[in-house]
Every structure is written in C-alpha cells, then in structure tokens.
Amino acid sequence: MPLVMAPTGKDLKIVRILTDDKTKKHLESLGITIDSTISLISVSGGSVICLIKDGRLALDKEMATKILVA
C-alpha cells in the first residue's frame, strides 16, 4: 500500500519505491531504502511526517504515494 494510506504509529517495511533513479538515490541518502523500517507519525492533507532511523522526515503527497510499504 502507498505510504499515505498506511496507519499511523505502526512500524512498516518499505517494499518498493516507484520513482526515477535520481530521486531513488536522494531518498537512499535520507535513509529511505527497500527493506528499511519506517513509521508514520502524522498525515495532513496527503503530506506525511514519518520516523526513519531516529529522524523525522516530511514528504509531500506526490512522493509519499510512490513509496510502497507493507
């Protein structure tokens, strides 16, 4: 399911990232990689705030829909 539809406060595993290589490399530098654990803190108007590797990260709706979690 896309990250924007995931429940808040639950540990999720990133299974796929549906974007170009340049954006994938940028996300990897932020710690968003396949098989990493991510937790959703809040969702507001499609934008999300998530917790990854003890750091908080805000993503807009467009990017959050391209990150698939399970």
N, C-alpha and C. Protein backbone atom coordinates (compact mmCIF):
# COMPACT_ATOMS: atom_id res chain seq x y z
N MET A 1 0.84 -1.18 0.00
CA MET A 1 0.00 0.00 0.00
C MET A 1 0.90 1.25 0.00
N PRO A 2 0.44 2.34 -0.56
CA PRO A 2 1.22 3.58 -0.53
C PRO A 2 1.36 4.11 0.90
N LEU A 3 2.43 4.84 1.13
CA LEU A 3 2.71 5.37 2.46
C LEU A 3 1.60 6.27 2.98
N VAL A 4 0.93 7.02 2.10
CA VAL A 4 -0.13 7.93 2.55
C VAL A 4 -1.34 7.19 3.09
N MET A 5 -1.52 5.93 2.74
CA MET A 5 -2.67 5.16 3.20
C MET A 5 -2.34 4.28 4.41
N ALA A 6 -1.10 4.29 4.86
CA ALA A 6 -0.67 3.44 5.96
C ALA A 6 -1.17 3.97 7.30
N PRO A 7 -1.35 3.09 8.27
CA PRO A 7 -1.79 3.53 9.60
C PRO A 7 -0.66 4.24 10.35
N THR A 8 -1.02 5.19 11.19
CA THR A 8 0.00 5.93 11.94
C THR A 8 0.43 5.14 13.17
N GLY A 9 1.67 5.37 13.59
CA GLY A 9 2.19 4.76 14.80
C GLY A 9 2.55 3.28 14.69
N LYS A 10 2.65 2.76 13.49
CA LYS A 10 2.94 1.34 13.29
C LYS A 10 4.23 1.21 12.48
N ASP A 11 5.09 0.28 12.87
CA ASP A 11 6.32 0.04 12.10
C ASP A 11 5.97 -0.65 10.79
N LEU A 12 6.46 -0.08 9.69
CA LEU A 12 6.18 -0.60 8.36
C LEU A 12 7.49 -0.87 7.63
N LYS A 13 7.45 -1.78 6.68
CA LYS A 13 8.64 -2.13 5.90
C LYS A 13 8.45 -1.58 4.49
N ILE A 14 9.46 -0.88 3.98
CA ILE A 14 9.40 -0.35 2.62
C ILE A 14 9.67 -1.51 1.66
N VAL A 15 8.74 -1.73 0.73
CA VAL A 15 8.88 -2.85 -0.20
C VAL A 15 9.22 -2.41 -1.62
N ARG A 16 8.86 -1.17 -1.96
CA ARG A 16 9.13 -0.71 -3.33
C ARG A 16 9.10 0.81 -3.38
N ILE A 17 9.93 1.38 -4.26
CA ILE A 17 9.94 2.83 -4.47
C ILE A 17 9.75 3.05 -5.97
N LEU A 18 8.64 3.69 -6.33
CA LEU A 18 8.27 3.87 -7.73
C LEU A 18 8.65 5.26 -8.24
N THR A 19 9.94 5.47 -8.47
CA THR A 19 10.41 6.76 -8.96
C THR A 19 11.67 6.57 -9.79
N ASP A 20 12.17 7.65 -10.37
CA ASP A 20 13.36 7.55 -11.21
C ASP A 20 14.63 7.34 -10.37
N ASP A 21 15.72 7.01 -11.04
CA ASP A 21 16.96 6.67 -10.34
C ASP A 21 17.53 7.84 -9.54
N LYS A 22 17.43 9.05 -10.07
CA LYS A 22 17.97 10.22 -9.37
C LYS A 22 17.24 10.44 -8.04
N THR A 23 15.93 10.34 -8.07
CA THR A 23 15.14 10.52 -6.85
C THR A 23 15.36 9.36 -5.88
N LYS A 24 15.52 8.14 -6.40
CA LYS A 24 15.81 6.99 -5.54
C LYS A 24 17.11 7.20 -4.78
N LYS A 25 18.13 7.69 -5.46
CA LYS A 25 19.42 7.95 -4.81
C LYS A 25 19.28 9.00 -3.72
N HIS A 26 18.48 10.03 -3.98
CA HIS A 26 18.26 11.07 -2.97
C HIS A 26 17.54 10.49 -1.75
N LEU A 27 16.52 9.68 -1.98
CA LEU A 27 15.80 9.05 -0.88
C LEU A 27 16.71 8.10 -0.09
N GLU A 28 17.58 7.39 -0.80
CA GLU A 28 18.51 6.49 -0.13
C GLU A 28 19.46 7.26 0.78
N SER A 29 19.87 8.45 0.36
CA SER A 29 20.75 9.27 1.20
C SER A 29 20.02 9.76 2.45
N LEU A 30 18.69 9.81 2.40
CA LEU A 30 17.89 10.19 3.56
C LEU A 30 17.54 9.00 4.44
N GLY A 31 17.89 7.79 4.00
CA GLY A 31 17.62 6.60 4.78
C GLY A 31 16.42 5.80 4.33
N ILE A 32 15.77 6.24 3.26
CA ILE A 32 14.60 5.53 2.75
C ILE A 32 15.07 4.54 1.69
N THR A 33 15.25 3.29 2.12
CA THR A 33 15.70 2.23 1.23
C THR A 33 14.75 1.04 1.33
N ILE A 34 14.79 0.19 0.33
CA ILE A 34 13.96 -1.01 0.34
C ILE A 34 14.38 -1.90 1.51
N ASP A 35 13.42 -2.48 2.19
CA ASP A 35 13.58 -3.34 3.37
C ASP A 35 13.90 -2.56 4.65
N SER A 36 13.93 -1.22 4.60
CA SER A 36 14.14 -0.47 5.84
C SER A 36 12.79 -0.27 6.54
N THR A 37 12.85 0.06 7.83
CA THR A 37 11.65 0.25 8.63
C THR A 37 11.32 1.73 8.72
N ILE A 38 10.03 2.03 8.55
CA ILE A 38 9.55 3.41 8.59
C ILE A 38 8.27 3.43 9.43
N SER A 39 8.06 4.51 10.15
CA SER A 39 6.87 4.64 10.97
C SER A 39 6.22 5.98 10.68
N LEU A 40 4.94 5.97 10.47
CA LEU A 40 4.19 7.19 10.15
C LEU A 40 3.79 7.90 11.43
N ILE A 41 4.16 9.18 11.54
CA ILE A 41 3.81 9.96 12.72
C ILE A 41 2.49 10.69 12.51
N SER A 42 2.33 11.37 11.38
CA SER A 42 1.07 12.05 11.11
C SER A 42 0.85 12.23 9.61
N VAL A 43 -0.42 12.37 9.26
CA VAL A 43 -0.83 12.62 7.88
C VAL A 43 -1.71 13.86 7.89
N SER A 44 -1.38 14.82 7.05
CA SER A 44 -2.16 16.06 7.00
C SER A 44 -2.31 16.51 5.55
N GLY A 45 -3.50 16.33 5.01
CA GLY A 45 -3.77 16.75 3.64
C GLY A 45 -2.97 15.99 2.60
N GLY A 46 -2.59 14.76 2.89
CA GLY A 46 -1.80 13.97 1.96
C GLY A 46 -0.33 14.01 2.26
N SER A 47 0.16 15.09 2.85
CA SER A 47 1.55 15.16 3.26
C SER A 47 1.74 14.33 4.52
N VAL A 48 2.92 13.72 4.65
CA VAL A 48 3.16 12.85 5.80
C VAL A 48 4.43 13.25 6.53
N ILE A 49 4.44 12.97 7.81
CA ILE A 49 5.65 13.08 8.62
C ILE A 49 5.94 11.68 9.11
N CYS A 50 7.16 11.20 8.82
CA CYS A 50 7.50 9.83 9.19
C CYS A 50 8.79 9.79 9.99
N LEU A 51 8.96 8.70 10.69
CA LEU A 51 10.13 8.48 11.52
C LEU A 51 10.95 7.38 10.87
N ILE A 52 12.20 7.71 10.53
CA ILE A 52 13.08 6.73 9.93
C ILE A 52 14.48 6.91 10.52
N LYS A 53 15.01 5.85 11.07
CA LYS A 53 16.34 5.86 11.70
C LYS A 53 16.49 6.98 12.72
N ASP A 54 15.56 7.09 13.63
CA ASP A 54 15.58 8.08 14.73
C ASP A 54 15.52 9.53 14.25
N GLY A 55 15.12 9.77 13.01
CA GLY A 55 14.97 11.13 12.50
C GLY A 55 13.60 11.30 11.88
N ARG A 56 13.07 12.51 11.96
CA ARG A 56 11.77 12.79 11.36
C ARG A 56 11.96 13.38 9.97
N LEU A 57 11.06 13.00 9.07
CA LEU A 57 11.15 13.43 7.69
C LEU A 57 9.76 13.75 7.18
N ALA A 58 9.61 14.89 6.51
CA ALA A 58 8.33 15.27 5.93
C ALA A 58 8.37 14.99 4.43
N LEU A 59 7.32 14.38 3.92
CA LEU A 59 7.21 14.08 2.49
C LEU A 59 5.89 14.62 1.97
N ASP A 60 5.91 15.16 0.75
CA ASP A 60 4.66 15.64 0.17
C ASP A 60 3.84 14.46 -0.36
N LYS A 61 2.61 14.76 -0.74
CA LYS A 61 1.67 13.71 -1.16
C LYS A 61 2.19 12.94 -2.37
N GLU A 62 2.78 13.66 -3.33
CA GLU A 62 3.26 13.01 -4.55
C GLU A 62 4.35 11.97 -4.25
N MET A 63 5.30 12.32 -3.39
CA MET A 63 6.39 11.40 -3.06
C MET A 63 5.89 10.26 -2.17
N ALA A 64 5.01 10.56 -1.24
CA ALA A 64 4.50 9.54 -0.32
C ALA A 64 3.67 8.48 -1.04
N THR A 65 3.06 8.82 -2.15
CA THR A 65 2.29 7.81 -2.88
C THR A 65 3.20 6.89 -3.71
N LYS A 66 4.45 7.29 -3.93
CA LYS A 66 5.38 6.49 -4.69
C LYS A 66 6.18 5.52 -3.83
N ILE A 67 6.03 5.61 -2.52
CA ILE A 67 6.71 4.71 -1.60
C ILE A 67 5.70 3.68 -1.11
N LEU A 68 5.95 2.42 -1.46
CA LEU A 68 5.02 1.35 -1.10
C LEU A 68 5.54 0.61 0.13
N VAL A 69 4.65 0.39 1.09
CA VAL A 69 5.02 -0.26 2.36
C VAL A 69 4.13 -1.47 2.62
N ALA A 70 4.58 -2.32 3.51
CA ALA A 70 3.79 -3.49 3.92
C ALA A 70 3.86 -3.63 5.43
